Protein backbone atom coordinates (compact mmCIF):
# COMPACT_ATOMS: atom_id res chain seq x y z
CA UNK A 1 25.31 -13.95 21.54
CA UNK A 2 22.50 -12.11 20.26
CA UNK A 3 21.75 -8.34 21.90
CA UNK A 4 19.28 -6.05 21.21
CA UNK A 5 15.21 -5.73 21.95
CA UNK A 6 12.89 -7.80 21.31
CA UNK A 7 8.94 -6.47 22.18
CA UNK A 8 6.32 -9.55 22.65
CA UNK A 9 3.36 -8.08 22.47
CA UNK A 10 0.00 -10.64 23.41
CA UNK A 11 -3.36 -9.96 22.88
CA UNK A 12 -4.16 -11.23 26.58
CA UNK A 13 -2.34 -9.70 29.18
CA UNK A 14 1.10 -9.19 30.12
CA UNK A 15 3.46 -10.94 31.39
CA UNK A 16 3.14 -13.82 29.42
CA UNK A 17 5.96 -15.96 31.97
CA UNK A 18 3.77 -19.76 29.98
CA UNK A 19 5.51 -17.96 26.71
CA UNK A 20 7.93 -16.09 26.19
CA UNK A 21 10.83 -18.31 28.44
CA UNK A 22 10.93 -20.27 25.73
CA UNK A 23 11.43 -16.96 23.48
CA UNK A 24 13.93 -16.47 25.65
CA UNK A 25 16.29 -19.87 25.21
CA UNK A 26 16.25 -19.44 21.78
CA UNK A 27 17.01 -15.26 21.52
CA UNK A 28 19.43 -15.97 24.67
CA UNK A 29 20.13 -14.30 27.94
CA UNK A 30 21.56 -11.16 25.98
CA UNK A 31 18.71 -10.05 24.11
CA UNK A 32 16.04 -8.28 25.97
CA UNK A 33 12.46 -8.98 25.96
CA UNK A 34 10.18 -5.97 26.32
CA UNK A 35 6.07 -7.12 26.95
CA UNK A 36 3.03 -5.61 26.53
CA UNK A 37 -0.31 -6.76 26.03
CA UNK A 38 -3.63 -5.98 24.59
CA UNK A 39 -5.89 -6.75 27.96
CA UNK A 40 -3.14 -4.52 30.41
CA UNK A 41 -5.15 -1.81 31.22
CA UNK A 42 -7.81 -4.08 31.95
CA UNK A 43 -9.20 -6.16 34.83
CA UNK A 44 -11.00 -9.34 35.60
CA UNK A 45 -14.54 -7.14 35.92
CA UNK A 46 -13.92 -5.25 32.49
CA UNK A 47 -13.35 -8.29 29.92
CA UNK A 48 -17.02 -8.74 28.93
CA UNK A 49 -15.97 -5.51 27.03
CA UNK A 50 -13.98 -7.40 24.69
CA UNK A 51 -16.17 -10.67 24.16
CA UNK A 52 -16.61 -11.22 20.36
CA UNK A 53 -20.12 -10.62 18.92
CA UNK A 54 -21.93 -12.99 17.06
CA UNK A 55 -19.81 -12.35 13.95
CA UNK A 56 -16.92 -11.08 14.90
CA UNK A 57 -13.80 -13.34 15.05
CA UNK A 58 -12.76 -15.41 18.10
CA UNK A 59 -9.17 -15.51 19.60
CA UNK A 60 -8.28 -16.69 23.60
CA UNK A 61 -5.48 -15.92 25.14
CA UNK A 62 -4.09 -16.13 28.72
CA UNK A 63 -4.49 -13.16 31.48
CA UNK A 64 -2.65 -12.71 34.44
CA UNK A 65 -4.16 -14.34 36.64
CA UNK A 66 -3.43 -17.83 34.62
CA UNK A 67 -7.39 -17.94 33.31
CA UNK A 68 -7.86 -17.83 29.66
CA UNK A 69 -10.15 -15.10 27.88
CA UNK A 70 -12.33 -15.19 24.43
CA UNK A 71 -12.08 -12.14 22.95
CA UNK A 72 -13.57 -10.51 19.72
CA UNK A 73 -11.03 -9.28 16.73
CA UNK A 74 -12.83 -5.85 16.15
CA UNK A 75 -12.51 -4.78 20.02
CA UNK A 76 -8.69 -6.28 19.90
CA UNK A 77 -7.43 -4.52 16.95
CA UNK A 78 -7.57 -1.03 18.91
CA UNK A 79 -6.14 -2.13 21.99
CA UNK A 80 -3.26 -3.63 20.03
CA UNK A 81 -2.36 -1.05 18.26
CA UNK A 82 -1.63 1.29 21.35
CA UNK A 83 0.31 -1.35 23.16
CA UNK A 84 2.90 -1.85 19.62
CA UNK A 85 2.99 2.11 19.79
CA UNK A 86 4.45 1.94 23.00
CA UNK A 87 6.70 -0.84 21.95
CA UNK A 88 8.06 1.03 18.92
CA UNK A 89 9.89 3.02 21.24
CA UNK A 90 12.30 0.61 22.88
CA UNK A 91 12.50 -2.05 20.99
CA UNK A 92 14.17 -3.31 17.48
CA UNK A 93 11.59 -5.81 16.44
CA UNK A 94 8.17 -7.28 18.06
CA UNK A 95 6.55 -10.23 17.73
CA UNK A 96 3.13 -10.90 17.82
CA UNK A 97 2.24 -13.34 19.99
CA UNK A 98 -0.63 -14.77 18.05
CA UNK A 99 -1.04 -16.54 14.94
CA UNK A 100 -3.81 -14.95 13.82
CA UNK A 101 -4.00 -12.43 11.30
CA UNK A 102 -3.74 -8.42 11.82
CA UNK A 103 -2.90 -6.75 8.76
CA UNK A 104 -3.74 -3.44 9.98
CA UNK A 105 -1.60 -2.60 12.92
CA UNK A 106 0.65 -0.33 11.27
CA UNK A 107 4.05 0.74 13.15
CA UNK A 108 7.33 1.52 11.60
CA UNK A 109 9.86 -1.22 13.18
CA UNK A 110 9.70 -4.63 11.71
CA UNK A 111 6.79 -6.88 13.60
CA UNK A 112 6.97 -10.61 13.26
CA UNK A 113 3.92 -12.67 12.41
CA UNK A 114 3.47 -16.34 13.34
CA UNK A 115 1.13 -16.99 10.90
CA UNK A 116 3.56 -15.84 8.16
CA UNK A 117 6.62 -17.49 9.62
CA UNK A 118 4.71 -20.82 9.41
CA UNK A 119 3.04 -20.61 6.06
CA UNK A 120 6.53 -19.96 4.55
CA UNK A 121 7.54 -22.71 7.03
CA UNK A 122 4.96 -24.95 5.81
CA UNK A 123 5.40 -24.42 2.20
CA UNK A 124 9.52 -24.93 2.29
CA UNK A 125 8.44 -28.21 3.27
CA UNK A 126 5.52 -29.52 2.13
CA UNK A 127 4.91 -27.64 -1.26
CA UNK A 128 1.84 -30.04 -1.09
CA UNK A 129 0.22 -32.35 0.92
CA UNK A 130 -2.37 -32.64 3.78
CA UNK A 131 -1.32 -30.46 6.80
CA UNK A 132 -2.86 -30.91 10.20
CA UNK A 133 -3.72 -28.06 12.47
CA UNK A 134 -4.53 -28.63 15.80
CA UNK A 135 -6.39 -25.26 17.31
CA UNK A 136 -7.67 -24.36 20.59
CA UNK A 137 -11.83 -23.57 19.84
CA UNK A 138 -14.30 -25.00 17.50
CA UNK A 139 -15.41 -22.12 16.98
CA UNK A 140 -11.57 -20.77 15.26
CA UNK A 141 -11.89 -23.27 12.43
CA UNK A 142 -12.77 -21.19 9.53
CA UNK A 143 -10.67 -18.36 10.15
CA UNK A 144 -8.13 -20.03 11.38
CA UNK A 145 -8.23 -22.34 7.94
CA UNK A 146 -8.19 -19.66 6.08
CA UNK A 147 -5.05 -18.17 6.82
CA UNK A 148 -3.61 -20.78 5.68
CA UNK A 149 -3.36 -19.95 2.09
CA UNK A 150 -1.61 -22.97 0.16
CA UNK A 151 -3.79 -24.05 -2.41
CA UNK A 152 -2.30 -27.04 -3.34
CA UNK A 153 -2.15 -28.10 0.37
CA UNK A 154 -5.60 -29.55 2.37
CA UNK A 155 -6.14 -28.43 5.50
CA UNK A 156 -6.89 -31.18 8.04
CA UNK A 157 -8.54 -29.94 11.78
CA UNK A 158 -8.91 -31.45 15.63
CA UNK A 159 -9.56 -29.12 18.85
CA UNK A 160 -7.46 -29.38 21.57
CA UNK A 161 -7.03 -26.43 23.68
CA UNK A 162 -3.62 -25.26 25.18
CA UNK A 163 -5.06 -23.38 27.94
CA UNK A 164 -7.23 -26.29 29.91
CA UNK A 165 -6.74 -29.55 30.43
CA UNK A 166 -7.46 -31.35 26.61
CA UNK A 167 -5.88 -34.60 24.82
CA UNK A 168 -3.09 -33.55 22.73
CA UNK A 169 -1.98 -36.71 21.67
CA UNK A 170 -6.02 -38.10 20.54
CA UNK A 171 -5.55 -35.10 18.34
CA UNK A 172 -2.69 -35.56 16.85
CA UNK A 173 -2.92 -39.36 16.50
CA UNK A 174 -6.10 -38.39 14.65
CA UNK A 175 -4.96 -35.81 12.65
CA UNK A 176 -1.89 -38.92 11.62
CA UNK A 177 -4.62 -41.52 11.01
CA UNK A 178 -6.68 -38.87 8.51
CA UNK A 179 -3.91 -38.53 6.20
CA UNK A 180 -1.83 -35.63 7.73
CA UNK A 181 1.84 -35.41 6.30
CA UNK A 182 2.61 -32.43 9.22
CA UNK A 183 1.10 -30.88 12.20
CA UNK A 184 1.31 -27.60 12.79
CA UNK A 185 0.03 -26.67 17.08
CA UNK A 186 -2.04 -23.42 15.69
CA UNK A 187 -1.96 -21.49 18.81
CA UNK A 188 0.85 -19.11 20.55
CA UNK A 189 -0.78 -20.78 24.06
CA UNK A 190 1.20 -24.13 22.89
CA UNK A 191 4.33 -25.07 24.15
CA UNK A 192 7.37 -27.48 23.82
CA UNK A 193 5.38 -29.73 25.97
CA UNK A 194 2.52 -30.00 23.70
CA UNK A 195 4.83 -30.40 20.93
CA UNK A 196 6.26 -33.38 22.27
CA UNK A 197 3.17 -34.81 23.32
CA UNK A 198 2.14 -34.39 19.48
CA UNK A 199 5.19 -35.96 17.92
CA UNK A 200 5.20 -38.90 20.45
CA UNK A 201 1.25 -39.87 19.46
CA UNK A 202 1.98 -38.64 15.15
CA UNK A 203 5.65 -39.56 14.79
CA UNK A 204 4.99 -36.64 11.90
CA UNK A 205 6.71 -32.97 12.63
CA UNK A 206 5.34 -30.71 14.48
CA UNK A 207 5.87 -26.89 14.11
CA UNK A 208 5.30 -24.60 17.48
CA UNK A 209 4.55 -21.40 16.70
CA UNK A 210 6.51 -19.43 19.51
CA UNK A 211 10.02 -21.17 18.44
CA UNK A 212 8.74 -20.44 14.39
CA UNK A 213 8.38 -16.76 15.83
CA UNK A 214 11.64 -16.54 18.12
CA UNK A 215 13.94 -17.82 15.42
CA UNK A 216 12.60 -15.21 12.73
CA UNK A 217 13.47 -12.41 15.57
CA UNK A 218 16.75 -13.69 15.83
CA UNK A 219 17.16 -13.48 12.82
CA UNK A 220 16.32 -10.39 12.39
CA UNK A 221 18.38 -9.18 14.64
CA UNK A 222 21.68 -10.80 13.42
CA UNK A 223 20.49 -8.40 10.85
CA UNK A 224 21.16 -5.43 12.55
């Protein structure tokens, strides 16, 4: 068993009971998970204060009432920094529970960015080819494509949200038909059931971000 403390930092509200059990299974019961969220100190009536402006990058995440909230990146950054500062005092490594890019968040403890881990994992198995991306929102298309920085990989995108009833199978099948060589479910909200449905519909290898991030955190703890 791997011992230690792992922080989970969500852009929504903690606890993320829809995600952390998956991470806990990979880390093992001996590893403590401590969760914090950028919106923890906001209530439903205050969610409008983080709504994305027209020029902002849009993210979506789950909140405690089981719903989801769209947020602007510029509004999130200071809130995420405050919560990371608190996690630094309690944990040995932090998982950012978002596949977005947050390079300005600063700290002394290692932080695992799923988008970085996914880029590395995809490049190892597919140096070139067609990458299929299933994303939650149409308005995220440009920003999510941009973070995949492999010039020899063509990005193919379909939209199917993990936070509401959506056609994961149809999206995966469409990517296969368009020539995708593998698929990434590009949001931490996608779960093992979404992964299974995408695999069954496409017959392709599917990367699930929460698994990739959890294994990276486990590898870090093993090195301590």
